Amino acid sequence: MSISLLTFSQKRETDSLPKNINDYIFVKPGDSVVIQLQEIKLLPKPKFNSREDIRYYLWFKKKVFKTYPFAKLASERLDSLNTRLAKIQSKSKKRKYTRLIQSYIEGEFTDQIKKMTTTEGRILIKLIHRQTGKTAFNNIKSLRSGWKAFWYNTTANVFKLSLKTTYNPATVNEDFLIEQILQTAFLDGYLKAQDTKLNFDFLEISTNNKSQINVEEYKQMFSKYKSKRKNKK
C-alpha cells in the first residue's frame, strides 16, 4: 500500500534555489551567537557555514514539506488497514479489503506522486520508514509480495532508489536534515505532527551535532546539473 505512493514519471519539477534567506543565521568561525528561544522551543537554531548554504537548506526544506504529508497519510492508512484486518476472520475477505484500500490510495495520490523528483522520491521512501516503522520494501512484502518485481523495475531501478532504505537521523546527514526540518515545522505549526514509530531522541542527536547544517552533497549535485547543462549547449 505504501509503495503505491512511489509511482513516478518523467515529468518532474525543475529544481531551483530560493533567494529569501534573511530569517536564517550565518555563523562564521570564531563567532559567538546568543539566540533567544521561545519558551516552547527545545531545539536550537540551525547553524550554517555560509549564506549560500541557507539557500540549499531552504530548497531541501521544500522537498520535505512536499513529501511528509504523503508519508503521514500512508501511516494512517496502514494503521487503519491493520486495525480492520484484525477484526476480519475470512482470508478471502481480508485480501479483498486490502486490495480495496490499495486501489483507493493509488487513485488518491498517483497523479501527485508522478511529478516528484528523484530527491523527493528518496525522501518519501525514508519518511515511510519513519512513519510506519517499516521500510518500503517490507511494507510491500507484508501486503502483496507480487508487487515486489513490478515496483523494483518501474521505480527503484529507474531512479536508482533502494526500497530497503532506512531512516536514521543519528548517523545519516540527510536524515538529520529531514528530522531537523520536521521538528522545527511541528513546533512552529507549519506541519501537523505525527510521532515516528522508530526509536531515537532527536534533541540528543541535535545537541551532539551542535545543530550544524551540512548541505555539501546538494551543492555538488547542483554543480553536476550545471555541468550537464553546459555540455548540452
Protein backbone atom coordinates (compact mmCIF):
# COMPACT_ATOMS: atom_id res chain seq x y z
CA MET A 1 0.00 0.00 0.00
CA SER A 2 2.72 2.44 0.97
CA ILE A 3 4.58 1.78 -2.22
CA SER A 4 1.57 2.89 -4.19
CA LEU A 5 2.88 6.31 -3.25
CA LEU A 6 6.15 5.71 -5.08
CA THR A 7 4.92 5.86 -8.70
CA PHE A 8 6.96 8.33 -10.73
CA SER A 9 7.06 9.64 -14.27
CA GLN A 10 9.49 11.60 -16.37
CA LYS A 11 7.52 14.85 -15.80
CA ARG A 12 9.44 16.13 -12.81
CA GLU A 13 9.89 19.62 -11.44
CA THR A 14 12.96 21.67 -12.29
CA ASP A 15 14.97 22.37 -9.14
CA SER A 16 15.92 25.93 -8.26
CA LEU A 17 17.34 27.55 -5.14
CA PRO A 18 15.32 30.09 -3.10
CA LYS A 19 16.61 33.64 -2.65
CA ASN A 20 14.96 34.71 0.64
CA ILE A 21 17.42 33.72 3.37
CA ASN A 22 17.12 36.65 5.77
CA ASP A 23 15.44 34.62 8.52
CA TYR A 24 18.48 32.38 8.97
CA ILE A 25 21.79 32.86 10.78
CA PHE A 26 25.21 32.68 9.17
CA VAL A 27 27.79 31.67 11.80
CA LYS A 28 31.40 32.34 10.87
CA PRO A 29 34.30 30.53 12.58
CA GLY A 30 35.09 32.16 15.90
CA ASP A 31 31.69 33.88 16.24
CA SER A 32 29.74 33.70 19.50
CA VAL A 33 26.00 33.55 18.96
CA VAL A 34 23.29 34.15 21.56
CA ILE A 35 19.86 33.02 20.42
CA GLN A 36 16.69 33.85 22.29
CA LEU A 37 14.31 30.92 22.02
CA GLN A 38 10.60 30.90 22.65
CA GLU A 39 9.55 29.06 25.80
CA ILE A 40 8.04 26.13 23.94
CA LYS A 41 11.10 25.67 21.71
CA LEU A 42 13.56 23.00 22.71
CA LEU A 43 15.63 22.88 19.55
CA PRO A 44 18.44 25.36 18.88
CA LYS A 45 18.52 27.34 15.67
CA PRO A 46 20.32 25.64 12.78
CA LYS A 47 23.86 26.87 12.12
CA PHE A 48 25.17 27.44 8.61
CA ASN A 49 28.69 27.82 7.22
CA SER A 50 27.66 30.44 4.67
CA ARG A 51 24.68 32.40 3.39
CA GLU A 52 24.79 30.27 0.26
CA ASP A 53 24.22 27.14 2.38
CA ILE A 54 20.94 28.62 3.61
CA ARG A 55 19.60 28.61 0.05
CA TYR A 56 20.33 24.90 -0.32
CA TYR A 57 18.72 24.23 3.06
CA LEU A 58 15.54 26.06 2.01
CA TRP A 59 15.50 24.12 -1.26
CA PHE A 60 15.71 20.85 0.70
CA LYS A 61 13.11 22.07 3.19
CA LYS A 62 10.63 22.49 0.34
CA LYS A 63 11.20 18.85 -0.62
CA VAL A 64 10.49 17.64 2.91
CA PHE A 65 7.33 19.74 3.19
CA LYS A 66 6.07 18.27 -0.08
CA THR A 67 6.66 14.60 0.80
CA TYR A 68 5.83 14.47 4.52
CA PRO A 69 2.02 14.60 4.13
CA PHE A 70 2.12 11.54 1.86
CA ALA A 71 4.16 9.51 4.35
CA LYS A 72 1.93 10.67 7.20
CA LEU A 73 -1.23 9.61 5.39
CA ALA A 74 0.36 6.30 4.36
CA SER A 75 0.97 5.56 8.05
CA GLU A 76 -2.61 6.47 8.94
CA ARG A 77 -3.99 4.26 6.15
CA LEU A 78 -1.75 1.37 7.20
CA ASP A 79 -2.84 1.65 10.85
CA SER A 80 -6.50 1.70 9.78
CA LEU A 81 -5.93 -1.27 7.50
CA ASN A 82 -4.26 -3.35 10.21
CA THR A 83 -6.99 -2.49 12.73
CA ARG A 84 -9.69 -3.50 10.28
CA LEU A 85 -7.92 -6.69 9.18
CA ALA A 86 -7.58 -7.81 12.81
CA LYS A 87 -11.38 -7.89 13.00
CA ILE A 88 -11.87 -9.86 9.77
CA GLN A 89 -11.76 -13.65 10.13
CA SER A 90 -12.08 -14.71 6.48
CA LYS A 91 -8.82 -14.76 4.49
CA SER A 92 -10.64 -14.01 1.25
CA LYS A 93 -12.36 -11.00 2.82
CA LYS A 94 -9.00 -9.79 4.17
CA ARG A 95 -7.49 -9.95 0.68
CA LYS A 96 -10.50 -8.18 -0.80
CA TYR A 97 -10.35 -5.39 1.78
CA THR A 98 -6.58 -4.97 1.33
CA ARG A 99 -6.99 -4.62 -2.46
CA LEU A 100 -9.75 -2.08 -1.90
CA ILE A 101 -7.54 0.10 0.32
CA GLN A 102 -4.59 -0.19 -2.07
CA SER A 103 -6.73 0.85 -5.04
CA TYR A 104 -8.10 3.77 -3.06
CA ILE A 105 -4.62 5.04 -2.21
CA GLU A 106 -3.44 4.68 -5.80
CA GLY A 107 -6.33 6.78 -7.03
CA GLU A 108 -5.83 9.30 -4.24
CA PHE A 109 -2.14 10.02 -4.74
CA THR A 110 -0.78 8.67 -8.02
CA ASP A 111 -1.20 11.83 -10.09
CA GLN A 112 0.58 13.95 -7.46
CA ILE A 113 3.42 11.50 -6.85
CA LYS A 114 4.13 11.20 -10.59
CA LYS A 115 5.66 14.68 -10.66
CA MET A 116 8.09 14.10 -7.80
CA THR A 117 11.80 14.46 -8.41
CA THR A 118 14.33 11.76 -7.57
CA THR A 119 15.30 13.62 -4.39
CA GLU A 120 11.66 13.80 -3.31
CA GLY A 121 11.21 10.11 -4.04
CA ARG A 122 14.19 9.27 -1.85
CA ILE A 123 12.87 11.46 0.98
CA LEU A 124 9.46 9.81 0.69
CA ILE A 125 10.96 6.32 0.99
CA LYS A 126 12.81 7.40 4.12
CA LEU A 127 9.74 9.08 5.62
CA ILE A 128 7.66 5.97 5.03
CA HIS A 129 10.13 4.14 7.27
CA ARG A 130 9.90 6.97 9.82
CA GLN A 131 6.12 6.98 9.91
CA THR A 132 5.32 3.27 9.60
CA GLY A 133 8.31 1.72 11.34
CA LYS A 134 8.89 -0.49 8.30
CA THR A 135 10.91 0.09 5.15
CA ALA A 136 9.13 0.49 1.85
CA PHE A 137 10.42 -2.96 0.89
CA ASN A 138 8.93 -4.60 4.00
CA ASN A 139 5.63 -2.80 3.50
CA ILE A 140 5.41 -4.32 0.03
CA LYS A 141 6.37 -7.75 1.32
CA SER A 142 3.75 -7.74 4.07
CA LEU A 143 0.89 -6.53 1.86
CA ARG A 144 1.30 -8.11 -1.56
CA SER A 145 4.54 -9.92 -2.39
CA GLY A 146 3.70 -9.95 -6.09
CA TRP A 147 4.26 -6.21 -6.22
CA LYS A 148 7.99 -6.53 -5.48
CA ALA A 149 9.29 -7.19 -9.00
CA PHE A 150 6.96 -4.61 -10.51
CA TRP A 151 7.99 -1.79 -8.19
CA TYR A 152 11.68 -2.60 -8.46
CA ASN A 153 11.52 -2.49 -12.25
CA THR A 154 9.37 0.62 -12.58
CA THR A 155 10.51 2.71 -9.63
CA ALA A 156 13.64 1.69 -7.75
CA ASN A 157 15.86 0.84 -10.72
CA VAL A 158 14.79 3.78 -12.87
CA PHE A 159 15.54 6.33 -10.17
CA LYS A 160 18.39 4.36 -8.54
CA LEU A 161 16.46 4.23 -5.27
CA SER A 162 16.57 1.39 -2.78
CA LEU A 163 13.24 0.33 -1.35
CA LYS A 164 15.19 -1.02 1.63
CA THR A 165 16.47 2.45 2.54
CA THR A 166 16.16 3.13 6.27
CA TYR A 167 15.80 6.35 8.27
CA ASN A 168 18.49 7.14 10.83
CA PRO A 169 18.96 10.81 11.85
CA ALA A 170 21.75 9.87 14.26
CA THR A 171 24.14 8.63 11.57
CA VAL A 172 22.90 9.86 8.16
CA ASN A 173 23.28 13.56 7.40
CA GLU A 174 20.30 13.76 5.05
CA ASP A 175 18.08 12.08 7.64
CA PHE A 176 19.28 14.56 10.26
CA LEU A 177 18.30 17.42 7.96
CA ILE A 178 14.87 15.88 7.36
CA GLU A 179 14.22 15.43 11.06
CA GLN A 180 15.51 18.91 11.92
CA ILE A 181 13.13 20.40 9.35
CA LEU A 182 10.21 18.30 10.60
CA GLN A 183 10.73 19.05 14.29
CA THR A 184 11.05 22.77 13.63
CA ALA A 185 7.92 22.73 11.46
CA PHE A 186 5.99 20.84 14.15
CA LEU A 187 6.94 23.40 16.79
CA ASP A 188 6.11 26.33 14.53
CA GLY A 189 2.80 24.81 13.44
CA TYR A 190 3.66 24.54 9.75
CA LEU A 191 3.17 20.76 9.69
CA LYS A 192 0.86 18.57 11.76
CA ALA A 193 3.00 16.37 13.96
CA GLN A 194 2.83 12.60 13.78
CA ASP A 195 5.09 10.63 16.11
CA THR A 196 7.69 8.43 14.49
CA LYS A 197 7.45 4.68 15.04
CA LEU A 198 11.23 4.50 15.24
CA ASN A 199 13.23 4.83 18.44
CA PHE A 200 15.51 7.88 18.55
CA ASP A 201 15.93 11.06 20.62
CA PHE A 202 16.33 13.93 18.19
CA LEU A 203 17.05 16.52 20.89
CA GLU A 204 20.06 14.47 21.93
CA ILE A 205 21.08 13.94 18.30
CA SER A 206 20.78 17.66 17.57
CA THR A 207 22.79 18.56 20.65
CA ASN A 208 25.56 16.15 19.71
CA ASN A 209 25.55 17.53 16.18
CA LYS A 210 25.61 21.12 17.50
CA SER A 211 22.75 21.88 15.06
CA GLN A 212 25.28 22.24 12.26
CA ILE A 213 23.69 22.14 8.82
CA ASN A 214 25.69 20.31 6.17
CA VAL A 215 24.43 20.72 2.59
CA GLU A 216 27.61 19.83 0.70
CA GLU A 217 26.04 16.87 -1.12
CA TYR A 218 23.36 19.14 -2.59
CA LYS A 219 25.88 21.76 -3.62
CA GLN A 220 27.76 19.06 -5.51
CA MET A 221 24.52 17.82 -7.04
CA PHE A 222 23.65 21.28 -8.39
CA SER A 223 27.19 21.65 -9.66
CA LYS A 224 26.73 18.47 -11.71
CA TYR A 225 23.43 19.79 -13.07
CA LYS A 226 25.15 22.96 -14.21
CA SER A 227 27.92 21.00 -15.90
CA LYS A 228 25.42 18.85 -17.78
CA ARG A 229 23.55 21.92 -18.99
CA LYS A 230 26.77 23.48 -20.27
CA ASN A 231 27.71 20.29 -22.08
CA LYS A 232 24.30 20.14 -23.77
CA LYS A 233 24.77 23.69 -25.04
